[in-house]
Protein backbone atom coordinates (compact mmCIF):
# COMPACT_ATOMS: atom_id res chain seq x y z
CA MET A 1 101.41 42.11 82.65
CA LYS A 2 104.17 39.81 83.79
CA ARG A 3 107.81 39.88 82.70
CA ILE A 4 108.79 36.23 82.15
CA PHE A 5 111.37 33.80 80.88
CA ILE A 6 111.76 30.03 80.64
CA GLY A 7 114.54 28.76 82.86
CA SER A 8 115.83 26.41 85.52
CA PHE A 9 116.73 27.49 89.04
CA ILE A 10 120.09 26.21 90.26
CA LYS A 11 120.41 24.69 93.74
CA ASP A 12 123.85 23.24 94.53
CA ASN A 13 125.39 23.34 98.00
CA SER A 14 128.95 23.25 96.68
CA LEU A 15 128.31 26.25 94.42
CA LYS A 16 126.54 28.06 97.24
CA LYS A 17 129.57 27.55 99.58
CA LYS A 18 132.05 28.71 96.95
CA TYR A 19 130.05 31.80 96.00
CA SER A 20 131.44 33.80 98.95
CA LEU A 21 134.98 32.97 97.74
CA ILE A 22 134.06 34.09 94.21
CA LYS A 23 132.70 37.41 95.49
CA LYS A 24 135.81 37.95 97.58
CA GLU A 25 138.18 37.11 94.66
CA PHE A 26 136.42 39.21 92.05
CA GLY A 27 135.00 42.05 94.20
CA SER A 28 138.03 44.28 93.69
CA CYS A 29 137.95 44.13 89.89
CA LEU A 30 134.14 44.17 89.31
CA LYS A 31 131.98 46.87 90.84
CA GLY A 32 128.22 46.41 90.97
CA ARG A 33 125.60 44.28 92.66
CA TRP A 34 126.10 40.51 92.96
CA THR A 35 123.23 38.20 92.01
CA PRO A 36 121.68 36.68 95.16
CA TYR A 37 122.27 32.91 95.27
CA ASP A 38 118.48 32.28 95.37
CA ASN A 39 118.26 33.92 91.91
CA PHE A 40 120.80 31.57 90.26
CA HIS A 41 119.28 30.13 87.10
CA ILE A 42 119.87 29.10 83.51
CA THR A 43 117.73 30.98 80.98
CA TYR A 44 116.51 29.08 77.92
CA LYS A 45 114.27 31.82 76.49
CA PHE A 46 113.62 35.36 77.65
CA ILE A 47 110.09 36.29 76.60
CA GLY A 48 109.45 39.66 78.25
CA ASN A 49 106.10 41.21 79.19
CA VAL A 50 103.04 39.04 78.60
CA GLU A 51 99.31 39.29 79.33
CA ASP A 52 97.63 36.48 81.32
CA HIS A 53 96.16 34.86 78.20
CA GLN A 54 99.63 34.74 76.57
CA LEU A 55 101.07 33.20 79.73
CA LEU A 56 98.41 30.51 79.66
CA LEU A 57 99.19 29.75 75.99
CA ILE A 58 102.94 29.52 76.76
CA LYS A 59 102.30 27.13 79.67
CA GLN A 60 100.05 24.98 77.50
CA SER A 61 102.61 24.92 74.72
CA LEU A 62 105.38 23.76 77.08
CA SER A 63 103.23 21.55 79.34
CA SER A 64 105.14 18.39 78.42
CA ILE A 65 108.35 19.72 80.03
CA LEU A 66 107.32 22.34 82.58
CA ASN A 67 107.65 21.75 86.36
CA LYS A 68 109.14 18.28 85.87
CA GLU A 69 112.62 17.24 86.91
CA LYS A 70 114.77 16.15 83.95
CA GLU A 71 117.89 14.05 84.14
CA ILE A 72 120.48 16.59 83.00
CA HIS A 73 124.11 16.63 84.10
CA VAL A 74 125.56 20.13 84.31
CA ILE A 75 128.94 21.26 85.68
CA PHE A 76 129.66 24.80 86.87
CA LYS A 77 133.23 25.46 85.73
CA GLY A 78 135.18 28.65 85.13
CA PHE A 79 133.99 32.14 84.27
CA GLY A 80 132.97 34.11 81.19
CA VAL A 81 131.81 37.55 80.16
CA PHE A 82 129.35 38.90 77.57
CA PRO A 83 130.05 40.32 75.05
CA ASP A 84 133.83 40.32 75.62
CA ILE A 85 136.56 41.03 78.21
CA ASN A 86 137.04 44.62 77.03
CA ASN A 87 133.36 45.48 77.49
CA PRO A 88 131.86 43.03 79.96
CA LYS A 89 128.16 43.66 80.44
CA VAL A 90 127.61 40.28 82.16
CA PHE A 91 130.01 38.27 84.35
CA TYR A 92 128.99 34.64 84.69
CA ILE A 93 129.86 31.09 85.67
CA LYS A 94 130.09 28.78 82.67
CA VAL A 95 127.71 25.86 82.57
CA GLU A 96 129.04 22.73 80.88
CA ASN A 97 126.69 19.97 79.80
CA PRO A 98 128.49 16.74 78.90
CA ASP A 99 125.36 14.91 77.72
CA GLY A 100 124.11 17.75 75.46
CA LYS A 101 120.60 17.70 76.95
CA LEU A 102 120.56 21.44 77.72
CA GLN A 103 120.92 22.17 74.00
CA GLU A 104 118.12 19.69 73.20
CA ILE A 105 115.83 21.27 75.76
CA ASN A 106 116.60 24.78 74.51
CA GLU A 107 115.80 23.70 70.93
CA LEU A 108 112.54 22.10 72.07
CA ILE A 109 111.51 25.27 73.93
CA GLN A 110 112.45 27.52 70.97
CA ASN A 111 110.53 25.28 68.52
CA LYS A 112 107.38 24.98 70.66
CA LEU A 113 107.26 28.73 71.31
CA ALA A 114 107.82 29.45 67.60
CA LEU A 115 104.63 27.51 66.87
CA ILE A 116 102.67 30.07 68.93
CA GLY A 117 104.34 33.10 67.45
CA TYR A 118 107.51 33.71 69.48
CA LYS A 119 110.58 34.27 67.36
CA LYS A 120 113.47 31.87 67.84
CA ASP A 121 116.61 33.38 69.39
CA GLU A 122 119.14 34.36 66.78
CA ARG A 123 122.11 34.14 69.15
CA ASN A 124 123.71 30.81 70.02
CA PHE A 125 122.53 29.29 73.28
CA ILE A 126 125.36 29.68 75.85
CA PRO A 127 124.22 28.24 79.16
CA HIS A 128 125.48 30.28 82.09
CA ILE A 129 124.66 31.64 85.54
CA THR A 130 124.82 35.42 85.74
CA LEU A 131 126.81 36.58 88.77
CA LYS A 132 126.98 40.33 88.10
CA ARG A 133 126.24 43.06 85.61
CA PRO A 134 129.38 45.16 86.22
CA LYS A 135 129.11 48.93 86.62
CA SER A 136 132.88 49.35 86.43
CA ILE A 137 135.79 46.95 85.88
CA LYS A 138 139.51 46.57 86.09
CA THR A 139 139.99 44.68 82.82
CA ASP A 140 143.56 43.46 83.36
CA GLU A 141 142.86 42.15 86.85
CA LEU A 142 139.61 40.53 85.71
CA ALA A 143 141.38 38.74 82.83
CA ILE A 144 144.07 37.39 85.16
CA LYS A 145 141.55 36.13 87.74
CA MET A 146 139.35 34.53 85.08
CA LYS A 147 142.35 32.65 83.69
CA GLN A 148 143.36 31.60 87.22
CA PHE A 149 139.93 29.97 87.74
CA GLN A 150 139.29 28.66 84.21
CA GLU A 151 139.51 24.96 85.27
CA GLU A 152 137.89 25.43 88.68
CA ILE A 153 134.76 23.30 89.20
CA PHE A 154 132.34 25.07 91.50
CA GLY A 155 129.69 22.36 91.59
CA GLU A 156 127.42 20.17 89.54
CA VAL A 157 123.85 18.95 89.43
CA PHE A 158 122.25 15.91 87.79
CA LYS A 159 118.63 17.08 87.58
CA LEU A 160 116.99 20.33 86.49
CA GLU A 161 113.40 21.50 86.52
CA ILE A 162 112.19 23.70 83.63
CA ASN A 163 109.91 26.52 84.76
CA VAL A 164 108.17 29.66 83.64
CA ILE A 165 109.82 32.31 85.83
CA GLN A 166 108.55 35.80 86.54
CA SER A 167 111.13 38.58 86.81
CA ILE A 168 110.06 41.32 89.18
CA LEU A 169 112.30 44.39 88.84
CA SER A 170 112.89 46.83 91.69
CA PRO A 171 115.60 49.31 92.81
CA GLU A 172 116.98 46.55 95.10
CA GLY A 173 117.42 44.22 92.08
CA ALA A 174 115.44 41.56 90.29
CA LYS A 175 113.46 38.89 92.10
CA TYR A 176 112.64 35.65 90.31
CA ILE A 177 109.55 33.58 91.09
CA LYS A 178 108.43 30.30 89.56
CA ILE A 179 104.88 30.70 88.24
C-alpha cells in the first residue's frame, strides 16, 4: 500500500530564501514543526492508500498530464489558515494563479479520476503551500502578522510539473516522493 496524492512540487529560489524570514517572523505565534522546503507542493487531489494495481490505473488515467512541465504562472503571496483564524489547523502561503490554469488542471484531474471511481472533492480548490500544522497559537499575534504580510510576494514560477506523489509518514514528519 502506498499513501498518495496528485500534486506539483514547488522549487523557487526566492521563496526558499524568504522561508527563513517567514519562520523567524511567525515562530513566536505558531508552535509546531515547519514543513521542510523540499516538501513544498500544491495538492490537486489527495487519494490516500492505494494498492499497486490502483496506482497503475491512476497513472494510466492521468498519463496525458503526468510528469510533464506545464506553462502555469503562479505567485506566492500572503498567508492563510484553514479552517479559520480562531482554529487554524493549517498555516499556508497563498498561491495566486492569474491565468486560471491551476483550476483547469484541478478540474481535469478530478474528472479523469472520477471516471475510474474516485469521488470528486466537495470542497473548493484553494491552491496553497502548507507551512505548518500548528500545535498551539497566539491568535491575536498571528492575525496581526498575517495582515502585515498580506501583499508580500514571496516568489513565483512559470512552469509546474504534475506528479503522483507518495506520502511517507514517520515520527520525524512526512516525506514526499515523486513516483
